[in-house]
Amino acid sequence: MSNVLSTDKKQQVIALGKLGWSLRRIEEVTGVRRETASVYLKAAGVAVCLPGWGRRAPAKPAIQVTPDSGAKPAIVTPDFYVPFSQKPGAPSAPSPPSPSICEAYRELIEQGLARGRNGKAIWQDLVSDHGFAGDYQAVKRFVRKLRGPQRPEAAGIILTAPGEEAQVDYGSGPMVRDPKAGKYRRTRLFVLTLGYSRKSVRLLSWRSSSRIWAELHEQAFRRLGGSPRVVVLDNLREGVTVPDLYDPTVNPLFRDVLAHYGVVALPCRIQDPDRKGKVESGVGHTKRTALKGMRFESLQEAQGYLDRWEERWADTRIHGTTKRQVAAMFAEEKPHLRALPLEPFRYYQYGERVVHLDGCVEVEAAYYSLPPGWIGRPVKVQWDALHVRILHPNSNQLLREHLRQKRGGYRIEEEDHPKKMPLSTAQLLRRAAHAGTQTGKFCQLLYDRQGETSIRRILGVLSLMKKYGVPAIEDACAVALDIGVHEYRFVRRYLERRPHPQMFLRQIDPLIRELTEYRDFINLKIKEQPDEPH
């Protein structure tokens, strides 16, 4: 096979093939050639769907219903009244036009236009807050007279099956007072829009991160009562770690959250925002209509207002493209969504680590072992409140899974102890012996007593040479060997108090007592937990 795809791209092609996408459509969206996609689909046992021939069915004629005005056709009130009772043969003289019902609300409408709100938002405010009895068409005509007509821009339409696709994006949210600073602060607006029904979920947050981005998706799925099969997103950092025209790398946490809900991520091509035009339109509709010029005192108040607006206006509107009510179309699409798992996703943190000379990686000041042969190599690490998982850097294969340890603790499996001294450890001990006789004896004794866990302490002893010099380290190690306290902390404290030796000699007994108690405590723990060496 000439082209070898990554694991994420291969799963994406197979998932789209299972949805019944043709090879041509898969090539247009993912950038994978049809020949390559066909080989992977046949290897996975997925039937290859060839593109159909012939013309598309003609589009259905638009129902004569004005978008966003309700389920019934708009009733247009004539701007003038012609009396029926006129003398026969007499010329009909048009009466002066009757004033618009919006004339009494002119000041409120002008204030809304000054704040940047559109005609739809002004009509909703008049109905909700001022008991306006007219319809949207009256406000629309009145606003058009005030600012003149605007020509709409043409846009393409992407048709999707029910439950197949959702589009997600961020936008700027309203100004909300920050409880910590006491000042108004701009929030983030998250919007998820279903491709078939245009049903949207709108959520607000203070900031954004990879975990917040994944949690917002999970909340949106819970609100919808199901999950789509594909999520279309752009190349923001929270969702795509490495943007690429043909093979983008999805954020691992986001990818695992979507896999938990049976969803496949489909990043847009770079500089191709029209691919997710439905959610782009949803974000713009929310910013122009619901949130334009609004300020809130708390994030809960802002979210509550947005939820009420969603239920009262966004779900009951007649969509301009489908000419149908959003809530009615969502009722048709909801049975096609995937069922949600019983348990929510268990979130974790992730990062990359380099295996230390002691064969362990560090996670939040605790140390966890790997199988022999990984010293000096990078690995991937995932951790949560209970477990630490160490993964292969290329294949993501699980190498070790440990229970969480407290800060400073070690978790080393019995089979992870090397059968013979590693070359890097032998070189480190030779380096200590070259530094000085007493230093070499002290470091060798540390390794004999504590094993792999002493590597970091030996490095700590050698690092003290840069600050105090070799003679001072030799003196400190000699004192430690004479007294019988074989601890790195003793050497460090001795050097810190070295300018005042008399004061340090008076503190030797309490220090020895402290280190002895610490050593006895460690030995007791080892006896209590023989399967968990420290």
Protein backbone atom coordinates (compact mmCIF):
# COMPACT_ATOMS: atom_id res chain seq x y z
CA MET A 1 0.00 0.00 0.00
CA SER A 2 1.57 3.27 -1.14
CA ASN A 3 -0.33 5.55 1.26
CA VAL A 4 -0.40 4.70 4.96
CA LEU A 5 -2.91 6.69 7.01
CA SER A 6 -2.66 7.53 10.69
CA THR A 7 -4.91 5.74 13.17
CA ASP A 8 -7.22 8.76 13.59
CA LYS A 9 -7.58 9.31 9.84
CA LYS A 10 -8.20 5.58 9.25
CA GLN A 11 -10.97 5.50 11.89
CA GLN A 12 -12.46 8.65 10.39
CA VAL A 13 -12.58 7.16 6.87
CA ILE A 14 -14.12 3.89 8.15
CA ALA A 15 -16.72 5.77 10.21
CA LEU A 16 -17.77 7.89 7.23
CA GLY A 17 -17.92 4.79 5.07
CA LYS A 18 -20.27 3.13 7.59
CA LEU A 19 -22.52 6.18 7.32
CA GLY A 20 -22.94 5.43 3.63
CA TRP A 21 -20.80 8.26 2.26
CA SER A 22 -19.51 7.83 -1.26
CA LEU A 23 -15.80 7.72 -2.04
CA ARG A 24 -16.00 11.07 -3.80
CA ARG A 25 -17.61 12.71 -0.77
CA ILE A 26 -15.05 11.15 1.59
CA GLU A 27 -12.23 12.49 -0.60
CA GLU A 28 -13.72 15.99 -0.63
CA VAL A 29 -14.09 16.13 3.15
CA THR A 30 -11.01 14.26 4.43
CA GLY A 31 -8.53 14.75 1.59
CA VAL A 32 -7.88 10.97 1.32
CA ARG A 33 -7.80 9.71 -2.26
CA ARG A 34 -10.67 7.49 -3.34
CA GLU A 35 -8.35 4.59 -4.16
CA THR A 36 -6.78 4.70 -0.68
CA ALA A 37 -10.13 5.06 1.07
CA SER A 38 -11.53 2.13 -0.92
CA VAL A 39 -8.68 -0.15 0.19
CA TYR A 40 -9.22 0.69 3.88
CA LEU A 41 -13.00 0.29 3.61
CA LYS A 42 -12.70 -3.09 1.92
CA ALA A 43 -10.17 -4.23 4.54
CA ALA A 44 -12.64 -3.25 7.29
CA GLY A 45 -15.50 -5.06 5.57
CA VAL A 46 -17.44 -1.88 4.74
CA ALA A 47 -19.36 -1.76 1.49
CA VAL A 48 -18.07 0.93 -0.86
CA CYS A 49 -20.80 3.39 -1.84
CA LEU A 50 -20.34 4.70 -5.37
CA PRO A 51 -21.71 8.16 -6.29
CA GLY A 52 -25.05 8.11 -8.08
CA TRP A 53 -25.58 9.35 -11.60
CA GLY A 54 -28.18 11.71 -12.96
CA ARG A 55 -29.62 14.99 -11.87
CA ARG A 56 -30.79 15.70 -8.38
CA ALA A 57 -34.47 15.85 -7.64
CA PRO A 58 -35.84 19.36 -8.02
CA ALA A 59 -36.11 21.31 -4.81
CA LYS A 60 -39.51 21.51 -3.21
CA PRO A 61 -41.26 24.86 -3.65
CA ALA A 62 -40.94 27.10 -0.64
CA ILE A 63 -43.97 27.23 1.60
CA GLN A 64 -45.35 30.71 1.66
CA VAL A 65 -44.36 31.31 5.27
CA THR A 66 -42.06 34.09 6.31
CA PRO A 67 -39.05 32.80 8.33
CA ASP A 68 -39.08 33.33 12.10
CA SER A 69 -42.70 34.56 12.14
CA GLY A 70 -44.48 31.48 13.49
CA ALA A 71 -46.19 28.44 11.99
CA LYS A 72 -48.99 30.40 10.33
CA PRO A 73 -48.57 32.51 7.18
CA ALA A 74 -47.86 36.13 7.85
CA ILE A 75 -50.89 38.41 7.73
CA VAL A 76 -49.94 41.55 5.87
CA THR A 77 -51.91 44.62 6.87
CA PRO A 78 -52.36 47.10 4.01
CA ASP A 79 -50.83 50.47 4.52
CA PHE A 80 -54.00 52.25 3.41
CA TYR A 81 -57.74 51.73 3.70
CA VAL A 82 -60.13 51.99 0.76
CA PRO A 83 -63.74 52.59 1.77
CA PHE A 84 -66.35 50.31 0.16
CA SER A 85 -69.19 52.81 0.12
CA GLN A 86 -68.56 55.26 -2.70
CA LYS A 87 -70.93 56.83 -5.17
CA PRO A 88 -71.09 55.06 -8.50
CA GLY A 89 -69.11 56.75 -11.14
CA ALA A 90 -67.33 59.02 -8.66
CA PRO A 91 -63.51 58.90 -8.80
CA SER A 92 -62.00 57.01 -5.87
CA ALA A 93 -59.76 59.26 -3.79
CA PRO A 94 -57.21 57.34 -1.72
CA SER A 95 -57.41 58.10 1.96
CA PRO A 96 -54.20 58.99 3.82
CA PRO A 97 -52.20 55.96 5.04
CA SER A 98 -52.97 54.80 8.56
CA PRO A 99 -50.14 55.13 11.07
CA SER A 100 -48.12 52.00 11.84
CA ILE A 101 -48.77 50.15 15.07
CA CYS A 102 -45.05 50.54 15.77
CA GLU A 103 -45.28 54.34 15.85
CA ALA A 104 -46.08 54.26 19.56
CA TYR A 105 -42.87 52.31 20.14
CA ARG A 106 -40.64 54.44 17.91
CA GLU A 107 -38.36 55.52 20.74
CA LEU A 108 -37.83 51.94 21.96
CA ILE A 109 -37.15 50.76 18.39
CA GLU A 110 -34.65 53.54 17.78
CA GLN A 111 -32.90 52.72 21.05
CA GLY A 112 -32.65 49.07 20.00
CA LEU A 113 -31.19 50.04 16.62
CA ALA A 114 -28.68 52.31 18.34
CA ARG A 115 -27.53 49.33 20.44
CA GLY A 116 -27.03 47.28 17.28
CA ARG A 117 -29.99 44.92 17.71
CA ASN A 118 -31.75 43.69 14.59
CA GLY A 119 -35.45 43.80 13.81
CA LYS A 120 -36.07 40.29 15.12
CA ALA A 121 -34.51 41.05 18.49
CA ILE A 122 -36.42 44.34 18.77
CA TRP A 123 -39.73 42.59 18.07
CA GLN A 124 -38.96 39.91 20.68
CA ASP A 125 -38.12 42.57 23.27
CA LEU A 126 -41.34 44.46 22.54
CA VAL A 127 -43.44 41.31 22.90
CA SER A 128 -41.69 40.05 26.04
CA ASP A 129 -41.23 43.32 27.94
CA HIS A 130 -43.82 45.80 26.61
CA GLY A 131 -46.83 43.70 25.59
CA PHE A 132 -46.57 44.50 21.89
CA ALA A 133 -49.59 43.07 20.04
CA GLY A 134 -48.32 43.40 16.47
CA ASP A 135 -46.50 40.77 14.44
CA TYR A 136 -42.92 40.68 13.27
CA GLN A 137 -43.80 41.96 9.79
CA ALA A 138 -44.95 45.29 11.18
CA VAL A 139 -41.68 45.77 13.06
CA LYS A 140 -39.73 44.58 10.02
CA ARG A 141 -41.36 47.16 7.75
CA PHE A 142 -40.92 49.91 10.31
CA VAL A 143 -37.22 49.10 10.81
CA ARG A 144 -36.70 48.96 7.05
CA LYS A 145 -38.10 52.45 6.72
CA LEU A 146 -35.75 53.71 9.43
CA ARG A 147 -32.53 52.26 8.09
CA GLY A 148 -33.32 51.11 4.55
CA PRO A 149 -33.40 47.59 3.07
CA GLN A 150 -30.39 45.25 3.18
CA ARG A 151 -29.50 42.79 0.44
CA PRO A 152 -28.93 39.22 1.73
CA GLU A 153 -25.82 37.30 0.69
CA ALA A 154 -26.11 34.04 -1.24
CA ALA A 155 -24.79 30.87 0.45
CA GLY A 156 -24.64 27.17 -0.34
CA ILE A 157 -26.71 24.58 1.55
CA ILE A 158 -25.28 21.29 2.87
CA LEU A 159 -27.93 18.60 3.32
CA THR A 160 -27.44 15.96 6.04
CA ALA A 161 -29.51 13.02 7.24
CA PRO A 162 -31.23 13.11 10.65
CA GLY A 163 -28.78 12.40 13.47
CA GLU A 164 -25.80 12.30 11.16
CA GLU A 165 -23.95 15.54 11.81
CA ALA A 166 -23.51 18.38 14.30
CA GLN A 167 -21.39 21.50 13.93
CA VAL A 168 -19.67 23.25 16.85
CA ASP A 169 -17.96 26.58 17.27
CA TYR A 170 -17.04 29.30 19.74
CA GLY A 171 -18.22 32.90 19.69
CA SER A 172 -17.97 35.93 21.91
CA GLY A 173 -20.59 35.91 24.65
CA PRO A 174 -22.23 38.77 26.56
CA MET A 175 -20.61 41.01 29.16
CA VAL A 176 -21.04 39.47 32.63
CA ARG A 177 -19.85 40.84 35.94
CA ASP A 178 -16.90 38.85 37.27
CA PRO A 179 -17.56 37.91 40.92
CA LYS A 180 -13.84 38.09 41.77
CA ALA A 181 -12.87 41.35 40.07
CA GLY A 182 -16.27 43.04 40.32
CA LYS A 183 -16.00 44.27 36.72
CA TYR A 184 -17.80 43.27 33.55
CA ARG A 185 -15.95 40.68 31.55
CA ARG A 186 -16.50 39.12 28.12
CA THR A 187 -17.59 35.47 28.20
CA ARG A 188 -17.24 32.63 25.70
CA LEU A 189 -20.30 31.38 23.80
CA PHE A 190 -20.33 27.69 22.80
CA VAL A 191 -22.85 26.64 20.16
CA LEU A 192 -23.62 23.12 18.90
CA THR A 193 -26.04 22.95 15.95
CA LEU A 194 -27.55 19.78 14.49
CA GLY A 195 -27.20 19.66 10.73
CA TYR A 196 -30.71 18.39 9.91
CA SER A 197 -33.06 20.25 12.26
CA ARG A 198 -30.83 23.28 13.06
CA LYS A 199 -31.57 22.68 16.75
CA SER A 200 -28.86 24.41 18.77
CA VAL A 201 -27.48 24.18 22.28
CA ARG A 202 -25.92 27.40 23.56
CA LEU A 203 -23.68 27.41 26.64
CA LEU A 204 -21.61 30.14 28.31
CA SER A 205 -18.27 29.84 30.09
CA TRP A 206 -15.67 32.20 31.51
CA ARG A 207 -12.69 30.70 29.76
CA SER A 208 -11.69 27.87 27.46
CA SER A 209 -9.37 24.88 27.75
CA SER A 210 -9.18 21.38 26.32
CA ARG A 211 -11.16 19.98 29.25
CA ILE A 212 -13.77 22.77 29.20
CA TRP A 213 -14.18 22.27 25.45
CA ALA A 214 -14.81 18.54 25.99
CA GLU A 215 -17.16 19.16 28.94
CA LEU A 216 -19.25 21.57 26.87
CA HIS A 217 -19.74 18.86 24.25
CA GLU A 218 -20.83 16.43 26.95
CA GLN A 219 -23.33 18.94 28.37
CA ALA A 220 -24.69 19.58 24.88
CA PHE A 221 -25.20 15.84 24.27
CA ARG A 222 -27.00 15.53 27.60
CA ARG A 223 -29.30 18.42 26.76
CA LEU A 224 -30.14 16.97 23.37
CA GLY A 225 -30.79 13.53 24.84
CA GLY A 226 -28.45 11.85 22.35
CA SER A 227 -25.34 12.33 20.27
CA PRO A 228 -24.78 12.66 16.51
CA ARG A 229 -22.41 10.46 14.55
CA VAL A 230 -20.06 13.19 13.30
CA VAL A 231 -18.98 16.51 14.85
CA VAL A 232 -17.64 19.13 12.44
CA LEU A 233 -15.28 21.67 14.02
CA ASP A 234 -12.63 24.13 12.98
CA ASN A 235 -8.94 23.96 13.88
CA LEU A 236 -8.99 25.66 17.28
CA ARG A 237 -6.34 24.49 19.74
CA GLU A 238 -8.79 22.85 22.17
CA GLY A 239 -10.00 20.43 19.49
CA VAL A 240 -7.09 20.03 17.05
CA THR A 241 -3.52 20.00 18.32
CA VAL A 242 -1.82 19.91 14.89
CA PRO A 243 -3.84 21.46 12.03
CA ASP A 244 -3.10 19.93 8.66
CA LEU A 245 -4.75 20.12 5.27
CA TYR A 246 -5.02 16.35 4.89
CA ASP A 247 -4.20 14.71 8.26
CA PRO A 248 -5.00 16.89 11.31
CA THR A 249 -4.24 15.57 14.81
CA VAL A 250 -7.23 15.68 17.17
CA ASN A 251 -6.72 16.58 20.82
CA PRO A 252 -6.47 13.23 22.69
CA LEU A 253 -8.84 14.21 25.53
CA PHE A 254 -11.43 15.53 23.07
CA ARG A 255 -11.04 12.43 20.92
CA ASP A 256 -11.59 10.09 23.89
CA VAL A 257 -14.67 12.02 25.05
CA LEU A 258 -16.22 11.77 21.59
CA ALA A 259 -15.33 8.06 21.39
CA HIS A 260 -17.11 7.55 24.74
CA TYR A 261 -20.29 8.88 23.10
CA GLY A 262 -19.73 7.14 19.76
CA VAL A 263 -18.91 10.32 17.83
CA VAL A 264 -16.21 10.94 15.23
CA ALA A 265 -14.45 14.33 14.95
CA LEU A 266 -14.25 15.82 11.46
CA PRO A 267 -12.05 18.96 11.43
CA CYS A 268 -12.66 21.42 8.61
CA ARG A 269 -9.96 22.13 6.12
CA ILE A 270 -7.82 25.14 6.90
CA GLN A 271 -9.47 28.41 5.80
CA ASP A 272 -12.75 26.66 4.94
CA PRO A 273 -15.35 28.11 7.37
CA ASP A 274 -18.26 27.55 4.95
CA ARG A 275 -18.10 23.82 5.75
CA LYS A 276 -19.74 24.58 9.11
CA GLY A 277 -21.93 27.44 7.97
CA LYS A 278 -24.93 26.24 10.00
CA VAL A 279 -23.24 26.78 13.34
CA GLU A 280 -21.62 29.97 12.06
CA SER A 281 -25.11 31.23 11.29
CA GLY A 282 -26.30 30.06 14.72
CA VAL A 283 -23.52 31.94 16.48
CA GLY A 284 -24.23 35.09 14.50
CA HIS A 285 -27.99 34.78 15.11
CA THR A 286 -27.40 34.50 18.86
CA LYS A 287 -25.00 37.44 19.00
CA ARG A 288 -27.17 39.73 16.87
CA THR A 289 -30.57 38.78 18.29
CA ALA A 290 -30.37 37.47 21.84
CA LEU A 291 -27.17 38.93 23.26
CA LYS A 292 -26.56 42.16 21.36
CA GLY A 293 -26.17 45.03 23.84
CA MET A 294 -27.04 42.83 26.86
CA ARG A 295 -25.25 42.79 30.22
CA PHE A 296 -25.73 40.43 33.14
CA GLU A 297 -24.73 40.38 36.78
CA SER A 298 -23.83 36.68 36.94
CA LEU A 299 -23.08 33.81 34.61
CA GLN A 300 -26.12 31.90 35.93
CA GLU A 301 -28.37 34.82 35.06
CA ALA A 302 -26.93 35.03 31.55
CA GLN A 303 -27.32 31.28 30.97
CA GLY A 304 -30.89 31.35 32.28
CA TYR A 305 -31.77 34.20 29.93
CA LEU A 306 -30.20 32.34 27.02
CA ASP A 307 -32.12 29.14 27.87
CA ARG A 308 -35.44 30.99 28.04
CA TRP A 309 -34.73 32.70 24.73
CA GLU A 310 -33.84 29.35 23.19
CA GLU A 311 -37.08 27.75 24.30
CA ARG A 312 -39.37 30.73 23.60
CA TRP A 313 -37.96 32.05 20.33
CA ALA A 314 -35.18 29.96 18.75
CA ASP A 315 -36.98 26.59 18.89
CA THR A 316 -40.37 27.93 17.78
CA ARG A 317 -39.11 29.96 14.81
CA ILE A 318 -39.59 29.00 11.16
CA HIS A 319 -36.11 28.47 9.77
CA GLY A 320 -35.28 30.51 6.71
CA THR A 321 -33.76 27.58 4.76
CA THR A 322 -36.01 24.65 5.64
CA LYS A 323 -39.21 26.76 5.94
CA ARG A 324 -40.19 24.57 8.89
CA GLN A 325 -40.29 24.99 12.63
CA VAL A 326 -37.04 24.02 14.36
CA ALA A 327 -38.78 22.19 17.22
CA ALA A 328 -40.83 20.09 14.80
CA MET A 329 -37.75 19.08 12.82
CA PHE A 330 -35.86 18.25 16.03
CA ALA A 331 -38.73 15.97 17.07
CA GLU A 332 -38.11 14.04 13.84
CA GLU A 333 -34.33 13.99 14.32
CA LYS A 334 -34.14 13.04 18.00
CA PRO A 335 -34.99 9.32 17.51
CA HIS A 336 -32.04 9.06 15.08
CA LEU A 337 -29.47 10.28 17.64
CA ARG A 338 -27.23 7.77 19.35
CA ALA A 339 -28.24 6.68 22.84
CA LEU A 340 -26.14 8.17 25.62
CA PRO A 341 -23.96 5.90 27.79
CA LEU A 342 -25.06 5.34 31.36
CA GLU A 343 -21.91 6.76 32.95
CA PRO A 344 -20.33 10.09 32.07
CA PHE A 345 -16.79 10.28 30.81
CA ARG A 346 -14.02 10.18 33.44
CA TYR A 347 -11.84 13.16 32.69
CA TYR A 348 -8.10 13.03 33.01
CA GLN A 349 -5.07 15.22 32.53
CA TYR A 350 -2.42 14.31 30.01
CA GLY A 351 1.11 15.23 29.11
CA GLU A 352 4.47 13.95 27.95
CA ARG A 353 7.31 12.89 30.23
CA VAL A 354 10.88 11.64 29.80
CA VAL A 355 11.78 8.52 31.81
CA HIS A 356 14.34 9.38 34.48
CA LEU A 357 17.49 7.46 35.36
CA ASP A 358 15.60 5.65 38.11
CA GLY A 359 13.17 4.23 35.52
CA CYS A 360 10.25 6.40 36.70
CA VAL A 361 8.26 9.34 35.41
CA GLU A 362 7.16 12.24 37.59
CA VAL A 363 3.50 13.21 37.92
CA GLU A 364 2.66 15.97 40.41
CA ALA A 365 5.78 15.30 42.53
CA ALA A 366 5.16 11.52 42.71
CA TYR A 367 7.09 8.85 40.77
CA TYR A 368 5.84 5.84 38.81
CA SER A 369 7.85 3.04 37.23
CA LEU A 370 7.98 1.63 33.70
CA PRO A 371 9.31 -1.65 32.36
CA PRO A 372 13.11 -1.80 31.93
CA GLY A 373 14.53 -0.29 28.77
CA TRP A 374 12.69 3.05 28.78
CA ILE A 375 15.29 5.27 30.50
CA GLY A 376 15.74 8.53 28.62
CA ARG A 377 12.80 7.95 26.25
CA PRO A 378 9.65 10.11 26.05
CA VAL A 379 6.26 8.62 26.94
CA LYS A 380 2.67 9.84 27.19
CA VAL A 381 1.03 10.05 30.59
CA GLN A 382 -2.64 10.31 31.60
CA TRP A 383 -3.72 10.80 35.20
CA ASP A 384 -6.83 11.51 37.24
CA ALA A 385 -7.65 11.43 40.95
CA LEU A 386 -7.23 7.64 41.21
CA HIS A 387 -4.90 6.31 38.51
CA VAL A 388 -1.82 7.13 36.45
CA ARG A 389 -1.58 5.53 33.02
CA ILE A 390 1.67 5.49 31.04
CA LEU A 391 1.25 5.01 27.28
CA HIS A 392 3.52 4.23 24.36
CA PRO A 393 4.44 7.49 22.57
CA ASN A 394 3.53 6.18 19.09
CA SER A 395 0.90 3.47 19.40
CA ASN A 396 -0.77 4.70 22.64
CA GLN A 397 -0.46 1.18 24.02
CA LEU A 398 -0.80 0.97 27.80
CA LEU A 399 2.60 0.31 29.38
CA ARG A 400 1.77 0.67 33.07
CA GLU A 401 -1.19 1.71 35.20
CA HIS A 402 -0.55 2.75 38.81
CA LEU A 403 -2.61 3.96 41.73
CA ARG A 404 -1.99 7.57 42.65
CA GLN A 405 0.73 8.24 45.20
CA LYS A 406 1.16 11.16 47.57
CA ARG A 407 3.78 13.79 46.83
CA GLY A 408 7.29 12.39 47.10
CA GLY A 409 6.10 8.78 47.00
CA TYR A 410 7.17 6.01 44.62
CA ARG A 411 5.14 3.31 42.93
CA ILE A 412 7.45 0.64 41.47
CA GLU A 413 6.23 -2.74 40.31
CA GLU A 414 8.30 -5.77 41.28
CA GLU A 415 8.98 -6.74 37.67
CA ASP A 416 10.17 -3.20 36.90
CA HIS A 417 13.30 -3.55 39.03
CA PRO A 418 16.29 -4.05 36.69
CA LYS A 419 18.08 -7.41 36.98
CA LYS A 420 21.45 -5.68 36.79
CA MET A 421 22.65 -2.13 37.30
CA PRO A 422 21.81 0.05 34.28
CA LEU A 423 24.71 1.63 32.42
CA SER A 424 23.45 5.14 33.22
CA THR A 425 23.43 4.36 36.96
CA ALA A 426 26.97 2.94 36.82
CA GLN A 427 28.14 6.08 35.04
CA LEU A 428 26.49 8.24 37.71
CA LEU A 429 28.25 6.37 40.54
CA ARG A 430 31.60 6.65 38.74
CA ARG A 431 31.02 10.37 38.40
CA ALA A 432 30.42 10.59 42.15
CA ALA A 433 33.60 8.58 42.85
CA HIS A 434 35.67 10.90 40.63
CA ALA A 435 34.33 13.90 42.55
CA GLY A 436 35.80 12.62 45.83
CA THR A 437 36.42 9.54 47.88
CA GLN A 438 33.92 10.36 50.62
CA THR A 439 31.32 11.49 48.07
CA GLY A 440 31.70 8.23 46.11
CA LYS A 441 31.31 6.10 49.27
CA PHE A 442 28.27 8.08 50.39
CA CYS A 443 26.52 7.81 47.01
CA GLN A 444 27.35 4.10 46.68
CA LEU A 445 25.90 3.50 50.14
CA LEU A 446 22.75 5.40 49.19
CA TYR A 447 22.27 3.19 46.13
CA ASP A 448 22.94 -0.04 48.05
CA ARG A 449 20.36 0.85 50.71
CA GLN A 450 17.60 2.51 48.65
CA GLY A 451 18.00 1.12 45.12
CA GLU A 452 16.48 3.02 42.19
CA THR A 453 14.80 5.57 44.45
CA SER A 454 18.23 6.92 45.44
CA ILE A 455 19.12 8.10 41.91
CA ARG A 456 17.46 11.48 42.38
CA ARG A 457 19.16 11.93 45.77
CA ILE A 458 22.57 11.13 44.27
CA LEU A 459 21.92 13.73 41.58
CA GLY A 460 20.99 16.15 44.34
CA VAL A 461 24.32 15.55 46.10
CA LEU A 462 26.26 16.15 42.88
CA SER A 463 24.24 19.31 42.11
CA LEU A 464 25.37 20.82 45.44
CA MET A 465 28.93 20.99 44.06
CA LYS A 466 28.01 23.93 41.83
CA LYS A 467 27.04 26.00 44.87
CA TYR A 468 29.39 24.84 47.63
CA GLY A 469 32.34 23.25 45.80
CA VAL A 470 33.91 19.79 45.96
CA PRO A 471 35.79 20.23 49.32
CA ALA A 472 32.59 21.22 51.11
CA ILE A 473 30.75 18.19 49.69
CA GLU A 474 33.62 15.90 50.76
CA ASP A 475 33.46 17.32 54.28
CA ALA A 476 29.68 16.92 54.52
CA CYS A 477 29.74 13.33 53.21
CA ALA A 478 32.55 12.43 55.64
CA VAL A 479 30.52 13.76 58.58
CA ALA A 480 27.45 11.83 57.42
CA LEU A 481 29.45 8.59 57.14
CA ASP A 482 31.05 9.06 60.56
CA ILE A 483 27.73 9.72 62.29
CA GLY A 484 25.93 6.95 60.34
CA VAL A 485 23.19 9.13 58.84
CA HIS A 486 23.00 8.21 55.19
CA GLU A 487 20.49 10.77 53.98
CA TYR A 488 20.72 13.46 51.31
CA ARG A 489 18.85 15.91 53.53
CA PHE A 490 21.58 15.70 56.16
CA VAL A 491 24.24 16.72 53.62
CA ARG A 492 22.15 19.62 52.36
CA ARG A 493 21.39 20.97 55.83
CA TYR A 494 25.01 20.60 56.88
CA LEU A 495 26.11 22.71 53.93
CA GLU A 496 23.43 25.32 54.56
CA ARG A 497 24.69 25.82 58.16
CA ARG A 498 28.35 25.40 57.34
CA PRO A 499 29.26 29.09 58.00
CA HIS A 500 28.16 28.52 61.62
CA PRO A 501 29.55 25.09 62.58
CA GLN A 502 29.01 25.52 66.35
CA MET A 503 25.32 26.22 65.84
CA PHE A 504 25.05 23.23 63.52
CA LEU A 505 26.79 20.92 66.02
CA ARG A 506 24.21 21.88 68.64
CA GLN A 507 21.46 20.87 66.15
CA ILE A 508 23.00 17.54 65.13
CA ASP A 509 21.20 15.49 67.79
CA PRO A 510 17.69 16.75 66.91
CA LEU A 511 18.48 16.33 63.22
CA ILE A 512 19.71 12.76 63.68
CA ARG A 513 16.61 12.01 65.71
CA GLU A 514 14.38 13.42 62.99
CA LEU A 515 16.10 11.45 60.22
CA THR A 516 16.06 8.26 62.30
CA GLU A 517 12.33 8.60 62.88
CA TYR A 518 11.82 9.19 59.19
CA ARG A 519 13.89 6.09 58.31
CA ASP A 520 11.97 3.97 60.86
CA PHE A 521 8.70 5.22 59.43
CA ILE A 522 9.73 4.21 55.90
CA ASN A 523 10.85 0.76 57.07
CA LEU A 524 7.52 0.29 58.86
CA LYS A 525 5.62 1.18 55.71
CA ILE A 526 7.68 -1.28 53.69
CA LYS A 527 6.86 -4.07 56.16
CA GLU A 528 3.16 -3.22 56.08
CA GLN A 529 3.05 -3.10 52.26
CA PRO A 530 5.60 -5.58 50.93
CA ASP A 531 4.08 -5.43 47.44
CA GLU A 532 4.60 -1.65 47.23
CA PRO A 533 8.35 -0.99 47.67
CA HIS A 534 9.41 2.63 48.18
